[in-house]
Amino acid sequence: GHRITVQNIVIWHERMGKSVDEICAEYDLTLAEVYTALAYYFDHRDEIDQDIKKSEAFVATLRERTPSILESKLKARR
């Protein structure tokens, strides 16, 4: 009921170095919810890591295709 995915929790914990307690406090999750998500990740690590890589590639493609408005304005001022 939070719309927070296992991928989100994995990125916050494994890549950003947030503790389980920090994730719980910041996103109003229980310890059980966070540990359940992490347990699921460790049981399905390859699949979830592939999904994260696909998401990162998608974001990179979008960034290439859609230039930043702020960046364009800053370049125009220079």
PDB file of N, CA and C in Angstrom:
ATOM      1  N   GLY A   1       0.795  -1.199   0.000  1.00  0.00           N
ATOM      2  CA  GLY A   1       0.000   0.000   0.000  1.00  0.00           C
ATOM      3  C   GLY A   1       0.840   1.268   0.000  1.00  0.00           C
ATOM      4  N   HIS A   2       2.140   1.158  -0.249  1.00  0.00           N
ATOM      5  CA  HIS A   2       3.008   2.336  -0.205  1.00  0.00           C
ATOM      6  C   HIS A   2       3.476   2.807  -1.579  1.00  0.00           C
ATOM      7  N   ARG A   3       3.352   1.962  -2.573  1.00  0.00           N
ATOM      8  CA  ARG A   3       3.897   2.232  -3.909  1.00  0.00           C
ATOM      9  C   ARG A   3       5.423   2.325  -3.902  1.00  0.00           C
ATOM     10  N   ILE A   4       6.022   1.730  -2.914  1.00  0.00           N
ATOM     11  CA  ILE A   4       7.479   1.635  -2.830  1.00  0.00           C
ATOM     12  C   ILE A   4       7.841   0.224  -3.259  1.00  0.00           C
ATOM     13  N   THR A   5       8.743   0.122  -4.207  1.00  0.00           N
ATOM     14  CA  THR A   5       9.092  -1.190  -4.747  1.00  0.00           C
ATOM     15  C   THR A   5      10.287  -1.797  -4.024  1.00  0.00           C
ATOM     16  N   VAL A   6      10.458  -3.073  -4.242  1.00  0.00           N
ATOM     17  CA  VAL A   6      11.651  -3.758  -3.741  1.00  0.00           C
ATOM     18  C   VAL A   6      12.884  -3.070  -4.321  1.00  0.00           C
ATOM     19  N   GLN A   7      12.807  -2.698  -5.594  1.00  0.00           N
ATOM     20  CA  GLN A   7      13.937  -1.999  -6.227  1.00  0.00           C
ATOM     21  C   GLN A   7      14.283  -0.718  -5.483  1.00  0.00           C
ATOM     22  N   ASN A   8      13.272   0.049  -5.100  1.00  0.00           N
ATOM     23  CA  ASN A   8      13.526   1.281  -4.356  1.00  0.00           C
ATOM     24  C   ASN A   8      14.305   0.983  -3.079  1.00  0.00           C
ATOM     25  N   ILE A   9      13.831   0.019  -2.330  1.00  0.00           N
ATOM     26  CA  ILE A   9      14.466  -0.317  -1.053  1.00  0.00           C
ATOM     27  C   ILE A   9      15.886  -0.816  -1.271  1.00  0.00           C
ATOM     28  N   VAL A  10      16.082  -1.623  -2.297  1.00  0.00           N
ATOM     29  CA  VAL A  10      17.422  -2.134  -2.604  1.00  0.00           C
ATOM     30  C   VAL A  10      18.370  -0.992  -2.942  1.00  0.00           C
ATOM     31  N   ILE A  11      17.921  -0.065  -3.765  1.00  0.00           N
ATOM     32  CA  ILE A  11      18.775   1.061  -4.150  1.00  0.00           C
ATOM     33  C   ILE A  11      19.120   1.901  -2.925  1.00  0.00           C
ATOM     34  N   TRP A  12      18.122   2.198  -2.097  1.00  0.00           N
ATOM     35  CA  TRP A  12      18.384   3.003  -0.904  1.00  0.00           C
ATOM     36  C   TRP A  12      19.362   2.302   0.033  1.00  0.00           C
ATOM     37  N   HIS A  13      19.179   0.997   0.209  1.00  0.00           N
ATOM     38  CA  HIS A  13      19.991   0.253   1.179  1.00  0.00           C
ATOM     39  C   HIS A  13      21.346  -0.144   0.613  1.00  0.00           C
ATOM     40  N   GLU A  14      21.347  -0.778  -0.541  1.00  0.00           N
ATOM     41  CA  GLU A  14      22.576  -1.355  -1.089  1.00  0.00           C
ATOM     42  C   GLU A  14      23.453  -0.324  -1.811  1.00  0.00           C
ATOM     43  N   ARG A  15      22.846   0.612  -2.494  1.00  0.00           N
ATOM     44  CA  ARG A  15      23.635   1.560  -3.294  1.00  0.00           C
ATOM     45  C   ARG A  15      23.846   2.897  -2.603  1.00  0.00           C
ATOM     46  N   MET A  16      22.857   3.357  -1.865  1.00  0.00           N
ATOM     47  CA  MET A  16      22.961   4.656  -1.202  1.00  0.00           C
ATOM     48  C   MET A  16      23.431   4.523   0.240  1.00  0.00           C
ATOM     49  N   GLY A  17      23.457   3.303   0.747  1.00  0.00           N
ATOM     50  CA  GLY A  17      23.984   3.047   2.076  1.00  0.00           C
ATOM     51  C   GLY A  17      23.076   3.438   3.226  1.00  0.00           C
ATOM     52  N   LYS A  18      21.779   3.598   2.951  1.00  0.00           N
ATOM     53  CA  LYS A  18      20.851   3.914   4.042  1.00  0.00           C
ATOM     54  C   LYS A  18      20.632   2.677   4.900  1.00  0.00           C
ATOM     55  N   SER A  19      20.539   2.907   6.191  1.00  0.00           N
ATOM     56  CA  SER A  19      20.264   1.788   7.089  1.00  0.00           C
ATOM     57  C   SER A  19      18.782   1.436   7.005  1.00  0.00           C
ATOM     58  N   VAL A  20      18.454   0.246   7.493  1.00  0.00           N
ATOM     59  CA  VAL A  20      17.058  -0.183   7.535  1.00  0.00           C
ATOM     60  C   VAL A  20      16.242   0.796   8.374  1.00  0.00           C
ATOM     61  N   ASP A  21      16.798   1.229   9.494  1.00  0.00           N
ATOM     62  CA  ASP A  21      16.099   2.177  10.362  1.00  0.00           C
ATOM     63  C   ASP A  21      15.835   3.505   9.640  1.00  0.00           C
ATOM     64  N   GLU A  22      16.803   3.981   8.870  1.00  0.00           N
ATOM     65  CA  GLU A  22      16.619   5.230   8.118  1.00  0.00           C
ATOM     66  C   GLU A  22      15.496   5.091   7.090  1.00  0.00           C
ATOM     67  N   ILE A  23      15.484   3.962   6.398  1.00  0.00           N
ATOM     68  CA  ILE A  23      14.444   3.722   5.392  1.00  0.00           C
ATOM     69  C   ILE A  23      13.074   3.681   6.059  1.00  0.00           C
ATOM     70  N   CYS A  24      12.985   2.996   7.177  1.00  0.00           N
ATOM     71  CA  CYS A  24      11.708   2.910   7.906  1.00  0.00           C
ATOM     72  C   CYS A  24      11.208   4.291   8.303  1.00  0.00           C
ATOM     73  N   ALA A  25      12.091   5.085   8.870  1.00  0.00           N
ATOM     74  CA  ALA A  25      11.700   6.410   9.361  1.00  0.00           C
ATOM     75  C   ALA A  25      11.334   7.343   8.207  1.00  0.00           C
ATOM     76  N   GLU A  26      12.118   7.323   7.160  1.00  0.00           N
ATOM     77  CA  GLU A  26      11.913   8.257   6.050  1.00  0.00           C
ATOM     78  C   GLU A  26      10.667   7.939   5.225  1.00  0.00           C
ATOM     79  N   TYR A  27      10.340   6.667   5.103  1.00  0.00           N
ATOM     80  CA  TYR A  27       9.239   6.262   4.220  1.00  0.00           C
ATOM     81  C   TYR A  27       8.057   5.637   4.952  1.00  0.00           C
ATOM     82  N   ASP A  28       8.055   5.746   6.273  1.00  0.00           N
ATOM     83  CA  ASP A  28       6.960   5.240   7.098  1.00  0.00           C
ATOM     84  C   ASP A  28       6.684   3.760   6.835  1.00  0.00           C
ATOM     85  N   LEU A  29       7.758   2.976   6.877  1.00  0.00           N
ATOM     86  CA  LEU A  29       7.666   1.528   6.695  1.00  0.00           C
ATOM     87  C   LEU A  29       8.032   0.845   8.002  1.00  0.00           C
ATOM     88  N   THR A  30       7.570  -0.381   8.161  1.00  0.00           N
ATOM     89  CA  THR A  30       7.952  -1.155   9.336  1.00  0.00           C
ATOM     90  C   THR A  30       9.256  -1.890   9.049  1.00  0.00           C
ATOM     91  N   LEU A  31       9.919  -2.303  10.121  1.00  0.00           N
ATOM     92  CA  LEU A  31      11.128  -3.110   9.946  1.00  0.00           C
ATOM     93  C   LEU A  31      10.823  -4.370   9.150  1.00  0.00           C
ATOM     94  N   ALA A  32       9.698  -4.983   9.442  1.00  0.00           N
ATOM     95  CA  ALA A  32       9.310  -6.215   8.745  1.00  0.00           C
ATOM     96  C   ALA A  32       9.159  -5.969   7.249  1.00  0.00           C
ATOM     97  N   GLU A  33       8.572  -4.841   6.866  1.00  0.00           N
ATOM     98  CA  GLU A  33       8.388  -4.550   5.434  1.00  0.00           C
ATOM     99  C   GLU A  33       9.730  -4.394   4.725  1.00  0.00           C
ATOM    100  N   VAL A  34      10.648  -3.684   5.357  1.00  0.00           N
ATOM    101  CA  VAL A  34      11.959  -3.465   4.733  1.00  0.00           C
ATOM    102  C   VAL A  34      12.746  -4.769   4.671  1.00  0.00           C
ATOM    103  N   TYR A  35      12.757  -5.515   5.766  1.00  0.00           N
ATOM    104  CA  TYR A  35      13.489  -6.781   5.757  1.00  0.00           C
ATOM    105  C   TYR A  35      12.860  -7.797   4.809  1.00  0.00           C
ATOM    106  N   THR A  36      11.553  -7.767   4.664  1.00  0.00           N
ATOM    107  CA  THR A  36      10.888  -8.656   3.706  1.00  0.00           C
ATOM    108  C   THR A  36      11.315  -8.313   2.288  1.00  0.00           C
ATOM    109  N   ALA A  37      11.370  -7.023   1.993  1.00  0.00           N
ATOM    110  CA  ALA A  37      11.802  -6.588   0.662  1.00  0.00           C
ATOM    111  C   ALA A  37      13.248  -6.994   0.397  1.00  0.00           C
ATOM    112  N   LEU A  38      14.104  -6.814   1.387  1.00  0.00           N
ATOM    113  CA  LEU A  38      15.512  -7.199   1.217  1.00  0.00           C
ATOM    114  C   LEU A  38      15.667  -8.713   1.085  1.00  0.00           C
ATOM    115  N   ALA A  39      14.896  -9.474   1.856  1.00  0.00           N
ATOM    116  CA  ALA A  39      14.947 -10.933   1.738  1.00  0.00           C
ATOM    117  C   ALA A  39      14.511 -11.369   0.341  1.00  0.00           C
ATOM    118  N   TYR A  40      13.453 -10.737  -0.157  1.00  0.00           N
ATOM    119  CA  TYR A  40      12.985 -11.055  -1.511  1.00  0.00           C
ATOM    120  C   TYR A  40      14.081 -10.732  -2.525  1.00  0.00           C
ATOM    121  N   TYR A  41      14.736  -9.597  -2.337  1.00  0.00           N
ATOM    122  CA  TYR A  41      15.829  -9.217  -3.241  1.00  0.00           C
ATOM    123  C   TYR A  41      16.932 -10.268  -3.235  1.00  0.00           C
ATOM    124  N   PHE A  42      17.365 -10.679  -2.057  1.00  0.00           N
ATOM    125  CA  PHE A  42      18.464 -11.646  -1.993  1.00  0.00           C
ATOM    126  C   PHE A  42      18.080 -13.000  -2.579  1.00  0.00           C
ATOM    127  N   ASP A  43      16.799 -13.336  -2.559  1.00  0.00           N
ATOM    128  CA  ASP A  43      16.334 -14.570  -3.191  1.00  0.00           C
ATOM    129  C   ASP A  43      16.188 -14.440  -4.707  1.00  0.00           C
ATOM    130  N   HIS A  44      16.087 -13.202  -5.209  1.00  0.00           N
ATOM    131  CA  HIS A  44      15.863 -12.940  -6.636  1.00  0.00           C
ATOM    132  C   HIS A  44      16.838 -11.892  -7.174  1.00  0.00           C
ATOM    133  N   ARG A  45      18.035 -11.932  -6.654  1.00  0.00           N
ATOM    134  CA  ARG A  45      19.032 -10.898  -6.918  1.00  0.00           C
ATOM    135  C   ARG A  45      19.301 -10.663  -8.401  1.00  0.00           C
ATOM    136  N   ASP A  46      19.558 -11.703  -9.160  1.00  0.00           N
ATOM    137  CA  ASP A  46      19.905 -11.534 -10.581  1.00  0.00           C
ATOM    138  C   ASP A  46      18.776 -10.845 -11.345  1.00  0.00           C
ATOM    139  N   GLU A  47      17.564 -11.307 -11.122  1.00  0.00           N
ATOM    140  CA  GLU A  47      16.405 -10.747 -11.813  1.00  0.00           C
ATOM    141  C   GLU A  47      16.204  -9.268 -11.465  1.00  0.00           C
ATOM    142  N   ILE A  48      16.300  -8.933 -10.199  1.00  0.00           N
ATOM    143  CA  ILE A  48      16.073  -7.554  -9.766  1.00  0.00           C
ATOM    144  C   ILE A  48      17.220  -6.656 -10.222  1.00  0.00           C
ATOM    145  N   ASP A  49      18.452  -7.149 -10.162  1.00  0.00           N
ATOM    146  CA  ASP A  49      19.587  -6.357 -10.656  1.00  0.00           C
ATOM    147  C   ASP A  49      19.433  -6.064 -12.151  1.00  0.00           C
ATOM    148  N   GLN A  50      18.936  -7.031 -12.901  1.00  0.00           N
ATOM    149  CA  GLN A  50      18.687  -6.808 -14.340  1.00  0.00           C
ATOM    150  C   GLN A  50      17.618  -5.738 -14.540  1.00  0.00           C
ATOM    151  N   ASP A  51      16.561  -5.786 -13.743  1.00  0.00           N
ATOM    152  CA  ASP A  51      15.496  -4.782 -13.833  1.00  0.00           C
ATOM    153  C   ASP A  51      16.030  -3.389 -13.498  1.00  0.00           C
ATOM    154  N   ILE A  52      16.897  -3.305 -12.512  1.00  0.00           N
ATOM    155  CA  ILE A  52      17.489  -2.011 -12.143  1.00  0.00           C
ATOM    156  C   ILE A  52      18.340  -1.492 -13.297  1.00  0.00           C
ATOM    157  N   LYS A  53      19.130  -2.356 -13.906  1.00  0.00           N
ATOM    158  CA  LYS A  53      19.961  -1.944 -15.047  1.00  0.00           C
ATOM    159  C   LYS A  53      19.099  -1.470 -16.211  1.00  0.00           C
ATOM    160  N   LYS A  54      18.001  -2.165 -16.473  1.00  0.00           N
ATOM    161  CA  LYS A  54      17.096  -1.746 -17.545  1.00  0.00           C
ATOM    162  C   LYS A  54      16.497  -0.382 -17.247  1.00  0.00           C
ATOM    163  N   SER A  55      16.121  -0.162 -16.009  1.00  0.00           N
ATOM    164  CA  SER A  55      15.557   1.131 -15.607  1.00  0.00           C
ATOM    165  C   SER A  55      16.590   2.244 -15.759  1.00  0.00           C
ATOM    166  N   GLU A  56      17.821   1.975 -15.365  1.00  0.00           N
ATOM    167  CA  GLU A  56      18.885   2.967 -15.498  1.00  0.00           C
ATOM    168  C   GLU A  56      19.156   3.288 -16.971  1.00  0.00           C
ATOM    169  N   ALA A  57      19.130   2.259 -17.823  1.00  0.00           N
ATOM    170  CA  ALA A  57      19.332   2.480 -19.254  1.00  0.00           C
ATOM    171  C   ALA A  57      18.191   3.303 -19.846  1.00  0.00           C
ATOM    172  N   PHE A  58      16.974   3.036 -19.414  1.00  0.00           N
ATOM    173  CA  PHE A  58      15.811   3.787 -19.879  1.00  0.00           C
ATOM    174  C   PHE A  58      15.938   5.257 -19.491  1.00  0.00           C
ATOM    175  N   VAL A  59      16.330   5.520 -18.258  1.00  0.00           N
ATOM    176  CA  VAL A  59      16.502   6.899 -17.789  1.00  0.00           C
ATOM    177  C   VAL A  59      17.608   7.593 -18.588  1.00  0.00           C
ATOM    178  N   ALA A  60      18.694   6.892 -18.838  1.00  0.00           N
ATOM    179  CA  ALA A  60      19.791   7.485 -19.614  1.00  0.00           C
ATOM    180  C   ALA A  60      19.328   7.841 -21.022  1.00  0.00           C
ATOM    181  N   THR A  61      18.536   6.982 -21.633  1.00  0.00           N
ATOM    182  CA  THR A  61      18.003   7.255 -22.966  1.00  0.00           C
ATOM    183  C   THR A  61      17.095   8.474 -22.942  1.00  0.00           C
ATOM    184  N   LEU A  62      16.239   8.563 -21.939  1.00  0.00           N
ATOM    185  CA  LEU A  62      15.353   9.725 -21.818  1.00  0.00           C
ATOM    186  C   LEU A  62      16.148  11.010 -21.653  1.00  0.00           C
ATOM    187  N   ARG A  63      17.189  10.961 -20.867  1.00  0.00           N
ATOM    188  CA  ARG A  63      18.025  12.154 -20.661  1.00  0.00           C
ATOM    189  C   ARG A  63      18.688  12.589 -21.961  1.00  0.00           C
ATOM    190  N   GLU A  64      19.112  11.647 -22.765  1.00  0.00           N
ATOM    191  CA  GLU A  64      19.731  11.976 -24.043  1.00  0.00           C
ATOM    192  C   GLU A  64      18.720  12.604 -24.999  1.00  0.00           C
ATOM    193  N   ARG A  65      17.509  12.076 -24.997  1.00  0.00           N
ATOM    194  CA  ARG A  65      16.475  12.545 -25.915  1.00  0.00           C
ATOM    195  C   ARG A  65      15.798  13.827 -25.463  1.00  0.00           C
ATOM    196  N   THR A  66      15.787  14.073 -24.159  1.00  0.00           N
ATOM    197  CA  THR A  66      15.077  15.220 -23.610  1.00  0.00           C
ATOM    198  C   THR A  66      16.065  16.098 -22.864  1.00  0.00           C
ATOM    199  N   PRO A  67      16.569  17.115 -23.532  1.00  0.00           N
ATOM    200  CA  PRO A  67      17.555  17.970 -22.857  1.00  0.00           C
ATOM    201  C   PRO A  67      16.926  18.737 -21.689  1.00  0.00           C
ATOM    202  N   SER A  68      17.725  18.996 -20.701  1.00  0.00           N
ATOM    203  CA  SER A  68      17.283  19.719 -19.523  1.00  0.00           C
ATOM    204  C   SER A  68      16.980  21.173 -19.889  1.00  0.00           C
ATOM    205  N   ILE A  69      15.814  21.652 -19.498  1.00  0.00           N
ATOM    206  CA  ILE A  69      15.441  23.042 -19.755  1.00  0.00           C
ATOM    207  C   ILE A  69      16.383  23.971 -18.993  1.00  0.00           C
ATOM    208  N   LEU A  70      16.678  23.643 -17.753  1.00  0.00           N
ATOM    209  CA  LEU A  70      17.582  24.459 -16.953  1.00  0.00           C
ATOM    210  C   LEU A  70      18.964  24.514 -17.587  1.00  0.00           C
ATOM    211  N   GLU A  71      19.450  23.362 -18.016  1.00  0.00           N
ATOM    212  CA  GLU A  71      20.769  23.306 -18.646  1.00  0.00           C
ATOM    213  C   GLU A  71      20.787  24.139 -19.916  1.00  0.00           C
ATOM    214  N   SER A  72      19.724  24.094 -20.699  1.00  0.00           N
ATOM    215  CA  SER A  72      19.641  24.899 -21.932  1.00  0.00           C
ATOM    216  C   SER A  72      19.657  26.389 -21.613  1.00  0.00           C
ATOM    217  N   LYS A  73      18.928  26.793 -20.589  1.00  0.00           N
ATOM    218  CA  LYS A  73      18.899  28.203 -20.193  1.00  0.00           C
ATOM    219  C   LYS A  73      20.262  28.669 -19.709  1.00  0.00           C
ATOM    220  N   LEU A  74      20.940  27.822 -18.940  1.00  0.00           N
ATOM    221  CA  LEU A  74      22.267  28.175 -18.448  1.00  0.00           C
ATOM    222  C   LEU A  74      23.267  28.307 -19.592  1.00  0.00           C
ATOM    223  N   LYS A  75      23.192  27.422 -20.561  1.00  0.00           N
ATOM    224  CA  LYS A  75      24.084  27.504 -21.727  1.00  0.00           C
ATOM    225  C   LYS A  75      23.804  28.764 -22.529  1.00  0.00           C
ATOM    226  N   ALA A  76      22.543  29.127 -22.647  1.00  0.00           N
ATOM    227  CA  ALA A  76      22.165  30.327 -23.405  1.00  0.00           C
ATOM    228  C   ALA A  76      22.706  31.587 -22.743  1.00  0.00           C
ATOM    229  N   ARG A  77      22.800  31.598 -21.426  1.00  0.00           N
ATOM    230  CA  ARG A  77      23.314  32.768 -20.700  1.00  0.00           C
ATOM    231  C   ARG A  77      24.818  32.920 -20.820  1.00  0.00           C
ATOM    232  N   ARG A  78      25.496  31.844 -21.102  1.00  0.00           N
ATOM    233  CA  ARG A  78      26.964  31.884 -21.181  1.00  0.00           C
ATOM    234  C   ARG A  78      27.368  32.446 -22.459  1.00  0.00           C
TER     235      ARG A  78
END
